[in-house]
Amino acid sequence: MDRRSIGLRALSFGVVLAGWEYAGRAGISAAFPSMSETGWAAVSMLGDGSLLRALGVTIVPLVVGIALSAVAGVLLGLATGLSRRTEWVGIPLFLVLQAAPLAALIPILVLAYGTGLASKVLVVCIMAVPVIVLNSYKAVRHTSTSLLEMGQSFLGSRRQLIVKIILPAASPVIFAGLRLGTAAGFIGAILAELLISPTGVGDLITYHQSIAEYPQMYAAIASVIILSALFLEFLERIEVTLFRPERRAA
């Protein structure tokens, strides 16, 4: 990343944080603290260990759910992109799942699987998988025909075409789907903690809201946003390292 990109990112964050500080000090709402108040609350929660403990609880179903979603979503996307029959069977289902209000399924999951880890992992998967599948499917289906024809003219096997042509060509859109799926998975993890059982960061948000400690509530929310941003940056690094040599060189 060059200095200009770093500078623009820093400027973007600076504008958002300055606007947050101004809005908090302007007294728009008693339930909207300033950025500095939220920062001090976060430092206090880190000091007493409550924020780290909550993140430790939240991250378990999140990591398990996102890992399962990534593997299943990419494989299903590849299968639907490479096979017309699989596409006809699978894609309408995932289109419906993407359009459906998935949060409404949470009570059904609670009845079926209880309030433990399994339900929370399933919520993350339900939120993330349709996005990953549909992006992977589109990426594979729109692989350049000329590249495939070139591989076939060199007598490449189907496996070689998939590994050496289709996956590298589709990787930008697949990783875009993984990033969108990860963001949806974070939403699912917090929804699960708010609606299934009050644990982790969801418990912190509910508790501090109930006693009107809004800086602590926003600190908990900000911690999830920061963790999500780090996850997305990690995925981008993997993409550049494995599939984007031109960006790695740049």
C-alpha atoms as a PDB file:
ATOM      1  CA  MET A   1       0.000   0.000   0.000  1.00  0.00           C
ATOM      2  CA  ASP A   2       1.520   3.355  -1.024  1.00  0.00           C
ATOM      3  CA  ARG A   3       1.699   6.492   1.107  1.00  0.00           C
ATOM      4  CA  ARG A   4      -1.150   8.150  -0.757  1.00  0.00           C
ATOM      5  CA  SER A   5      -3.520   5.262   0.018  1.00  0.00           C
ATOM      6  CA  ILE A   6      -2.482   5.274   3.670  1.00  0.00           C
ATOM      7  CA  GLY A   7      -2.965   9.035   3.822  1.00  0.00           C
ATOM      8  CA  LEU A   8      -6.446   8.847   2.268  1.00  0.00           C
ATOM      9  CA  ARG A   9      -7.483   6.103   4.687  1.00  0.00           C
ATOM     10  CA  ALA A  10      -6.182   8.119   7.629  1.00  0.00           C
ATOM     11  CA  LEU A  11      -8.043  11.197   6.370  1.00  0.00           C
ATOM     12  CA  SER A  12     -11.256   9.180   6.011  1.00  0.00           C
ATOM     13  CA  PHE A  13     -11.018   7.824   9.553  1.00  0.00           C
ATOM     14  CA  GLY A  14     -10.105  11.279  10.863  1.00  0.00           C
ATOM     15  CA  VAL A  15     -13.191  12.872   9.289  1.00  0.00           C
ATOM     16  CA  VAL A  16     -15.499  10.188  10.708  1.00  0.00           C
ATOM     17  CA  LEU A  17     -13.995  10.389  14.200  1.00  0.00           C
ATOM     18  CA  ALA A  18     -14.075  14.208  14.182  1.00  0.00           C
ATOM     19  CA  GLY A  19     -17.724  14.152  13.097  1.00  0.00           C
ATOM     20  CA  TRP A  20     -18.512  11.647  15.862  1.00  0.00           C
ATOM     21  CA  GLU A  21     -16.787  13.832  18.455  1.00  0.00           C
ATOM     22  CA  TYR A  22     -18.626  16.952  17.277  1.00  0.00           C
ATOM     23  CA  ALA A  23     -22.026  15.229  17.195  1.00  0.00           C
ATOM     24  CA  GLY A  24     -21.486  13.826  20.700  1.00  0.00           C
ATOM     25  CA  ARG A  25     -20.470  17.191  22.150  1.00  0.00           C
ATOM     26  CA  ALA A  26     -23.287  19.023  20.338  1.00  0.00           C
ATOM     27  CA  GLY A  27     -25.833  17.171  22.463  1.00  0.00           C
ATOM     28  CA  ILE A  28     -27.817  15.656  19.612  1.00  0.00           C
ATOM     29  CA  SER A  29     -29.028  12.936  21.975  1.00  0.00           C
ATOM     30  CA  ALA A  30     -28.314  11.890  25.539  1.00  0.00           C
ATOM     31  CA  ALA A  31     -27.885   8.358  24.206  1.00  0.00           C
ATOM     32  CA  PHE A  32     -25.122   9.412  21.776  1.00  0.00           C
ATOM     33  CA  PRO A  33     -21.802   9.973  23.581  1.00  0.00           C
ATOM     34  CA  SER A  34     -18.769  11.633  22.039  1.00  0.00           C
ATOM     35  CA  MET A  35     -15.910   9.657  20.575  1.00  0.00           C
ATOM     36  CA  SER A  36     -13.605  10.608  23.452  1.00  0.00           C
ATOM     37  CA  GLU A  37     -16.117   9.411  26.064  1.00  0.00           C
ATOM     38  CA  THR A  38     -16.488   6.139  24.173  1.00  0.00           C
ATOM     39  CA  GLY A  39     -12.704   5.794  23.962  1.00  0.00           C
ATOM     40  CA  TRP A  40     -12.265   6.256  27.712  1.00  0.00           C
ATOM     41  CA  ALA A  41     -15.056   3.746  28.320  1.00  0.00           C
ATOM     42  CA  ALA A  42     -13.264   1.257  26.062  1.00  0.00           C
ATOM     43  CA  VAL A  43      -9.997   1.790  27.969  1.00  0.00           C
ATOM     44  CA  SER A  44     -11.835   1.204  31.253  1.00  0.00           C
ATOM     45  CA  MET A  45     -13.470  -1.979  29.941  1.00  0.00           C
ATOM     46  CA  LEU A  46     -10.135  -3.230  28.649  1.00  0.00           C
ATOM     47  CA  GLY A  47      -8.616  -2.479  32.019  1.00  0.00           C
ATOM     48  CA  ASP A  48     -11.139  -4.507  33.995  1.00  0.00           C
ATOM     49  CA  GLY A  49     -11.083  -7.291  31.388  1.00  0.00           C
ATOM     50  CA  SER A  50     -14.813  -7.254  30.632  1.00  0.00           C
ATOM     51  CA  LEU A  51     -14.395  -6.311  26.970  1.00  0.00           C
ATOM     52  CA  LEU A  52     -11.719  -8.923  26.259  1.00  0.00           C
ATOM     53  CA  ARG A  53     -13.760 -11.637  27.994  1.00  0.00           C
ATOM     54  CA  ALA A  54     -16.826 -10.703  25.959  1.00  0.00           C
ATOM     55  CA  LEU A  55     -14.866 -10.712  22.695  1.00  0.00           C
ATOM     56  CA  GLY A  56     -13.432 -14.114  23.617  1.00  0.00           C
ATOM     57  CA  VAL A  57     -16.957 -15.515  24.000  1.00  0.00           C
ATOM     58  CA  THR A  58     -18.245 -13.885  20.804  1.00  0.00           C
ATOM     59  CA  ILE A  59     -15.335 -14.937  18.620  1.00  0.00           C
ATOM     60  CA  VAL A  60     -15.820 -18.701  19.123  1.00  0.00           C
ATOM     61  CA  PRO A  61     -19.139 -19.143  17.218  1.00  0.00           C
ATOM     62  CA  LEU A  62     -18.039 -16.391  14.857  1.00  0.00           C
ATOM     63  CA  VAL A  63     -14.805 -18.085  13.772  1.00  0.00           C
ATOM     64  CA  VAL A  64     -16.408 -21.529  13.563  1.00  0.00           C
ATOM     65  CA  GLY A  65     -19.370 -20.189  11.583  1.00  0.00           C
ATOM     66  CA  ILE A  66     -17.276 -18.121   9.166  1.00  0.00           C
ATOM     67  CA  ALA A  67     -14.831 -20.999   8.568  1.00  0.00           C
ATOM     68  CA  LEU A  68     -17.691 -23.406   7.801  1.00  0.00           C
ATOM     69  CA  SER A  69     -19.437 -20.790   5.660  1.00  0.00           C
ATOM     70  CA  ALA A  70     -16.287 -20.037   3.662  1.00  0.00           C
ATOM     71  CA  VAL A  71     -15.570 -23.687   2.881  1.00  0.00           C
ATOM     72  CA  ALA A  72     -19.187 -24.650   2.156  1.00  0.00           C
ATOM     73  CA  GLY A  73     -19.984 -21.419   0.315  1.00  0.00           C
ATOM     74  CA  VAL A  74     -16.995 -21.529  -2.035  1.00  0.00           C
ATOM     75  CA  LEU A  75     -17.453 -25.244  -2.768  1.00  0.00           C
ATOM     76  CA  LEU A  76     -21.167 -24.802  -3.451  1.00  0.00           C
ATOM     77  CA  GLY A  77     -20.431 -21.748  -5.589  1.00  0.00           C
ATOM     78  CA  LEU A  78     -17.896 -23.704  -7.608  1.00  0.00           C
ATOM     79  CA  ALA A  79     -20.328 -26.620  -8.002  1.00  0.00           C
ATOM     80  CA  THR A  80     -23.168 -24.388  -9.196  1.00  0.00           C
ATOM     81  CA  GLY A  81     -20.857 -22.450 -11.494  1.00  0.00           C
ATOM     82  CA  LEU A  82     -19.378 -25.546 -13.104  1.00  0.00           C
ATOM     83  CA  SER A  83     -22.568 -27.607 -13.475  1.00  0.00           C
ATOM     84  CA  ARG A  84     -25.821 -26.473 -15.078  1.00  0.00           C
ATOM     85  CA  ARG A  85     -27.837 -29.123 -13.212  1.00  0.00           C
ATOM     86  CA  THR A  86     -26.433 -28.048  -9.845  1.00  0.00           C
ATOM     87  CA  GLU A  87     -27.155 -24.441 -10.781  1.00  0.00           C
ATOM     88  CA  TRP A  88     -30.811 -25.181 -11.547  1.00  0.00           C
ATOM     89  CA  VAL A  89     -31.238 -26.981  -8.225  1.00  0.00           C
ATOM     90  CA  GLY A  90     -29.191 -24.760  -5.920  1.00  0.00           C
ATOM     91  CA  ILE A  91     -29.226 -21.144  -7.099  1.00  0.00           C
ATOM     92  CA  PRO A  92     -33.005 -20.514  -6.646  1.00  0.00           C
ATOM     93  CA  LEU A  93     -32.701 -21.733  -3.049  1.00  0.00           C
ATOM     94  CA  PHE A  94     -29.812 -19.375  -2.253  1.00  0.00           C
ATOM     95  CA  LEU A  95     -31.577 -16.472  -3.950  1.00  0.00           C
ATOM     96  CA  VAL A  96     -34.568 -17.059  -1.679  1.00  0.00           C
ATOM     97  CA  LEU A  97     -32.323 -17.317   1.395  1.00  0.00           C
ATOM     98  CA  GLN A  98     -30.554 -14.076   0.507  1.00  0.00           C
ATOM     99  CA  ALA A  99     -33.864 -12.243   0.104  1.00  0.00           C
ATOM    100  CA  ALA A 100     -35.550 -13.778   3.158  1.00  0.00           C
ATOM    101  CA  PRO A 101     -35.582 -12.069   6.594  1.00  0.00           C
ATOM    102  CA  LEU A 102     -33.182 -14.602   8.086  1.00  0.00           C
ATOM    103  CA  ALA A 103     -33.380 -13.126  11.587  1.00  0.00           C
ATOM    104  CA  ALA A 104     -36.944 -14.454  11.711  1.00  0.00           C
ATOM    105  CA  LEU A 105     -35.532 -18.008  11.588  1.00  0.00           C
ATOM    106  CA  ILE A 106     -33.685 -17.586  14.888  1.00  0.00           C
ATOM    107  CA  PRO A 107     -36.643 -18.683  17.096  1.00  0.00           C
ATOM    108  CA  ILE A 108     -36.947 -21.856  15.003  1.00  0.00           C
ATOM    109  CA  LEU A 109     -33.242 -22.589  15.498  1.00  0.00           C
ATOM    110  CA  VAL A 110     -33.631 -22.086  19.238  1.00  0.00           C
ATOM    111  CA  LEU A 111     -36.498 -24.576  19.337  1.00  0.00           C
ATOM    112  CA  ALA A 112     -34.501 -27.105  17.311  1.00  0.00           C
ATOM    113  CA  TYR A 113     -30.993 -26.724  18.756  1.00  0.00           C
ATOM    114  CA  GLY A 114     -31.376 -24.855  22.044  1.00  0.00           C
ATOM    115  CA  THR A 115     -29.458 -21.764  23.127  1.00  0.00           C
ATOM    116  CA  GLY A 116     -25.940 -23.168  22.934  1.00  0.00           C
ATOM    117  CA  LEU A 117     -23.044 -22.902  20.522  1.00  0.00           C
ATOM    118  CA  ALA A 118     -24.728 -24.863  17.706  1.00  0.00           C
ATOM    119  CA  SER A 119     -27.550 -22.350  17.295  1.00  0.00           C
ATOM    120  CA  LYS A 120     -25.173 -19.389  17.194  1.00  0.00           C
ATOM    121  CA  VAL A 121     -22.925 -21.065  14.633  1.00  0.00           C
ATOM    122  CA  LEU A 122     -25.967 -21.840  12.482  1.00  0.00           C
ATOM    123  CA  VAL A 123     -27.092 -18.211  12.619  1.00  0.00           C
ATOM    124  CA  VAL A 124     -23.663 -17.084  11.394  1.00  0.00           C
ATOM    125  CA  CYS A 125     -23.767 -19.679   8.599  1.00  0.00           C
ATOM    126  CA  ILE A 126     -27.302 -18.780   7.542  1.00  0.00           C
ATOM    127  CA  MET A 127     -26.307 -15.124   7.239  1.00  0.00           C
ATOM    128  CA  ALA A 128     -22.987 -15.734   5.458  1.00  0.00           C
ATOM    129  CA  VAL A 129     -23.411 -18.744   3.165  1.00  0.00           C
ATOM    130  CA  PRO A 130     -25.918 -17.345   0.596  1.00  0.00           C
ATOM    131  CA  VAL A 131     -23.723 -14.304  -0.052  1.00  0.00           C
ATOM    132  CA  ILE A 132     -20.579 -16.408  -0.518  1.00  0.00           C
ATOM    133  CA  VAL A 133     -22.317 -18.983  -2.719  1.00  0.00           C
ATOM    134  CA  LEU A 134     -23.871 -16.445  -5.083  1.00  0.00           C
ATOM    135  CA  ASN A 135     -20.653 -14.447  -5.485  1.00  0.00           C
ATOM    136  CA  SER A 136     -18.582 -17.584  -6.071  1.00  0.00           C
ATOM    137  CA  TYR A 137     -21.138 -18.863  -8.580  1.00  0.00           C
ATOM    138  CA  LYS A 138     -21.071 -15.603 -10.542  1.00  0.00           C
ATOM    139  CA  ALA A 139     -17.273 -15.508 -10.446  1.00  0.00           C
ATOM    140  CA  VAL A 140     -16.943 -19.003 -11.899  1.00  0.00           C
ATOM    141  CA  ARG A 141     -19.697 -18.534 -14.464  1.00  0.00           C
ATOM    142  CA  HIS A 142     -18.092 -15.356 -15.819  1.00  0.00           C
ATOM    143  CA  THR A 143     -14.621 -16.799 -16.298  1.00  0.00           C
ATOM    144  CA  SER A 144     -13.217 -15.601 -19.610  1.00  0.00           C
ATOM    145  CA  THR A 145     -14.170 -17.983 -22.423  1.00  0.00           C
ATOM    146  CA  SER A 146     -10.949 -17.203 -24.269  1.00  0.00           C
ATOM    147  CA  LEU A 147      -8.875 -18.323 -21.260  1.00  0.00           C
ATOM    148  CA  LEU A 148     -10.794 -21.603 -21.070  1.00  0.00           C
ATOM    149  CA  GLU A 149     -10.410 -22.187 -24.785  1.00  0.00           C
ATOM    150  CA  MET A 150      -6.677 -21.525 -24.500  1.00  0.00           C
ATOM    151  CA  GLY A 151      -6.393 -24.087 -21.686  1.00  0.00           C
ATOM    152  CA  GLN A 152      -8.346 -26.641 -23.701  1.00  0.00           C
ATOM    153  CA  SER A 153      -6.162 -26.046 -26.755  1.00  0.00           C
ATOM    154  CA  PHE A 154      -3.145 -26.980 -24.624  1.00  0.00           C
ATOM    155  CA  LEU A 155      -4.982 -30.207 -23.645  1.00  0.00           C
ATOM    156  CA  GLY A 156      -5.509 -29.165 -20.050  1.00  0.00           C
ATOM    157  CA  SER A 157      -7.556 -31.550 -17.947  1.00  0.00           C
ATOM    158  CA  ARG A 158     -10.729 -30.396 -16.189  1.00  0.00           C
ATOM    159  CA  ARG A 159      -8.847 -30.276 -12.884  1.00  0.00           C
ATOM    160  CA  GLN A 160      -6.073 -28.176 -14.421  1.00  0.00           C
ATOM    161  CA  LEU A 161      -8.595 -25.792 -15.947  1.00  0.00           C
ATOM    162  CA  ILE A 162     -10.268 -25.315 -12.549  1.00  0.00           C
ATOM    163  CA  VAL A 163      -7.061 -24.922 -10.531  1.00  0.00           C
ATOM    164  CA  LYS A 164      -4.955 -22.909 -12.980  1.00  0.00           C
ATOM    165  CA  ILE A 165      -7.527 -20.848 -14.876  1.00  0.00           C
ATOM    166  CA  ILE A 166     -10.959 -20.699 -13.258  1.00  0.00           C
ATOM    167  CA  LEU A 167      -9.924 -20.183  -9.622  1.00  0.00           C
ATOM    168  CA  PRO A 168      -7.292 -17.479 -10.304  1.00  0.00           C
ATOM    169  CA  ALA A 169      -9.648 -15.654 -12.664  1.00  0.00           C
ATOM    170  CA  ALA A 170     -12.567 -15.902 -10.240  1.00  0.00           C
ATOM    171  CA  SER A 171     -10.591 -15.111  -7.074  1.00  0.00           C
ATOM    172  CA  PRO A 172     -11.345 -11.333  -6.928  1.00  0.00           C
ATOM    173  CA  VAL A 173     -15.110 -11.880  -6.936  1.00  0.00           C
ATOM    174  CA  ILE A 174     -14.852 -14.956  -4.669  1.00  0.00           C
ATOM    175  CA  PHE A 175     -12.909 -12.953  -2.093  1.00  0.00           C
ATOM    176  CA  ALA A 176     -15.340 -10.074  -2.444  1.00  0.00           C
ATOM    177  CA  GLY A 177     -18.062 -12.582  -1.563  1.00  0.00           C
ATOM    178  CA  LEU A 178     -15.999 -13.840   1.378  1.00  0.00           C
ATOM    179  CA  ARG A 179     -15.639 -10.292   2.684  1.00  0.00           C
ATOM    180  CA  LEU A 180     -19.380  -9.650   2.319  1.00  0.00           C
ATOM    181  CA  GLY A 181     -20.116 -13.021   3.912  1.00  0.00           C
ATOM    182  CA  THR A 182     -17.781 -12.251   6.809  1.00  0.00           C
ATOM    183  CA  ALA A 183     -19.538  -8.938   7.414  1.00  0.00           C
ATOM    184  CA  ALA A 184     -22.906 -10.731   7.343  1.00  0.00           C
ATOM    185  CA  GLY A 185     -21.488 -13.357   9.715  1.00  0.00           C
ATOM    186  CA  PHE A 186     -20.558 -10.648  12.237  1.00  0.00           C
ATOM    187  CA  ILE A 187     -24.127  -9.354  12.069  1.00  0.00           C
ATOM    188  CA  GLY A 188     -25.382 -12.906  12.619  1.00  0.00           C
ATOM    189  CA  ALA A 189     -23.103 -13.429  15.622  1.00  0.00           C
ATOM    190  CA  ILE A 190     -24.336 -10.281  17.361  1.00  0.00           C
ATOM    191  CA  LEU A 191     -27.969 -11.067  16.471  1.00  0.00           C
ATOM    192  CA  ALA A 192     -27.528 -14.498  17.998  1.00  0.00           C
ATOM    193  CA  GLU A 193     -26.180 -13.010  21.220  1.00  0.00           C
ATOM    194  CA  LEU A 194     -28.982 -10.455  21.358  1.00  0.00           C
ATOM    195  CA  LEU A 195     -31.851 -12.813  20.471  1.00  0.00           C
ATOM    196  CA  ILE A 196     -30.769 -16.319  21.562  1.00  0.00           C
ATOM    197  CA  SER A 197     -28.885 -15.842  24.817  1.00  0.00           C
ATOM    198  CA  PRO A 198     -27.203 -12.735  26.267  1.00  0.00           C
ATOM    199  CA  THR A 199     -23.527 -13.643  26.091  1.00  0.00           C
ATOM    200  CA  GLY A 200     -20.338 -12.011  24.870  1.00  0.00           C
ATOM    201  CA  VAL A 201     -20.466  -8.579  23.264  1.00  0.00           C
ATOM    202  CA  GLY A 202     -24.236  -8.837  22.827  1.00  0.00           C
ATOM    203  CA  ASP A 203     -24.558  -9.157  26.611  1.00  0.00           C
ATOM    204  CA  LEU A 204     -22.393  -6.055  27.113  1.00  0.00           C
ATOM    205  CA  ILE A 205     -24.517  -4.061  24.670  1.00  0.00           C
ATOM    206  CA  THR A 206     -27.787  -5.149  26.316  1.00  0.00           C
ATOM    207  CA  TYR A 207     -26.535  -4.609  29.864  1.00  0.00           C
ATOM    208  CA  HIS A 208     -25.054  -1.140  29.368  1.00  0.00           C
ATOM    209  CA  GLN A 209     -28.099  -0.051  27.390  1.00  0.00           C
ATOM    210  CA  SER A 210     -30.391  -1.172  30.214  1.00  0.00           C
ATOM    211  CA  ILE A 211     -28.517   0.958  32.796  1.00  0.00           C
ATOM    212  CA  ALA A 212     -28.006   3.907  30.398  1.00  0.00           C
ATOM    213  CA  GLU A 213     -24.200   3.612  30.275  1.00  0.00           C
ATOM    214  CA  TYR A 214     -24.072   4.625  26.635  1.00  0.00           C
ATOM    215  CA  PRO A 215     -20.307   5.183  26.280  1.00  0.00           C
ATOM    216  CA  GLN A 216     -19.729   1.563  27.356  1.00  0.00           C
ATOM    217  CA  MET A 217     -22.467   0.378  24.982  1.00  0.00           C
ATOM    218  CA  TYR A 218     -20.888   2.194  22.045  1.00  0.00           C
ATOM    219  CA  ALA A 219     -17.442   0.927  23.058  1.00  0.00           C
ATOM    220  CA  ALA A 220     -18.743  -2.645  22.793  1.00  0.00           C
ATOM    221  CA  ILE A 221     -20.273  -1.906  19.387  1.00  0.00           C
ATOM    222  CA  ALA A 222     -17.058  -0.248  18.186  1.00  0.00           C
ATOM    223  CA  SER A 223     -15.018  -3.262  19.289  1.00  0.00           C
ATOM    224  CA  VAL A 224     -17.074  -5.505  16.976  1.00  0.00           C
ATOM    225  CA  ILE A 225     -16.640  -3.061  14.092  1.00  0.00           C
ATOM    226  CA  ILE A 226     -12.866  -2.965  14.631  1.00  0.00           C
ATOM    227  CA  LEU A 227     -12.701  -6.769  14.847  1.00  0.00           C
ATOM    228  CA  SER A 228     -14.715  -7.049  11.621  1.00  0.00           C
ATOM    229  CA  ALA A 229     -12.386  -4.600   9.858  1.00  0.00           C
ATOM    230  CA  LEU A 230      -9.361  -6.653  10.951  1.00  0.00           C
ATOM    231  CA  PHE A 231     -10.990  -9.837   9.616  1.00  0.00           C
ATOM    232  CA  LEU A 232     -11.649  -8.169   6.264  1.00  0.00           C
ATOM    233  CA  GLU A 233      -8.073  -6.884   6.075  1.00  0.00           C
ATOM    234  CA  PHE A 234      -6.835 -10.411   6.829  1.00  0.00           C
ATOM    235  CA  LEU A 235      -8.912 -11.811   3.944  1.00  0.00           C
ATOM    236  CA  GLU A 236      -7.518  -9.177   1.603  1.00  0.00           C
ATOM    237  CA  ARG A 237      -3.959 -10.140   2.591  1.00  0.00           C
ATOM    238  CA  ILE A 238      -4.721 -13.806   1.856  1.00  0.00           C
ATOM    239  CA  GLU A 239      -6.158 -12.881  -1.550  1.00  0.00           C
ATOM    240  CA  VAL A 240      -3.125 -10.801  -2.488  1.00  0.00           C
ATOM    241  CA  THR A 241      -0.693 -13.455  -1.280  1.00  0.00           C
ATOM    242  CA  LEU A 242      -2.323 -16.417  -3.020  1.00  0.00           C
ATOM    243  CA  PHE A 243      -4.058 -15.111  -6.133  1.00  0.00           C
ATOM    244  CA  ARG A 244      -3.071 -11.535  -6.964  1.00  0.00           C
ATOM    245  CA  PRO A 245       0.642 -11.408  -7.810  1.00  0.00           C
ATOM    246  CA  GLU A 246       0.178  -8.132  -9.687  1.00  0.00           C
ATOM    247  CA  ARG A 247      -1.102  -6.422  -6.524  1.00  0.00           C
ATOM    248  CA  ARG A 248       1.586  -8.070  -4.426  1.00  0.00           C
ATOM    249  CA  ALA A 249       4.237  -6.643  -6.738  1.00  0.00           C
ATOM    250  CA  ALA A 250       2.615  -3.205  -6.606  1.00  0.00           C
END
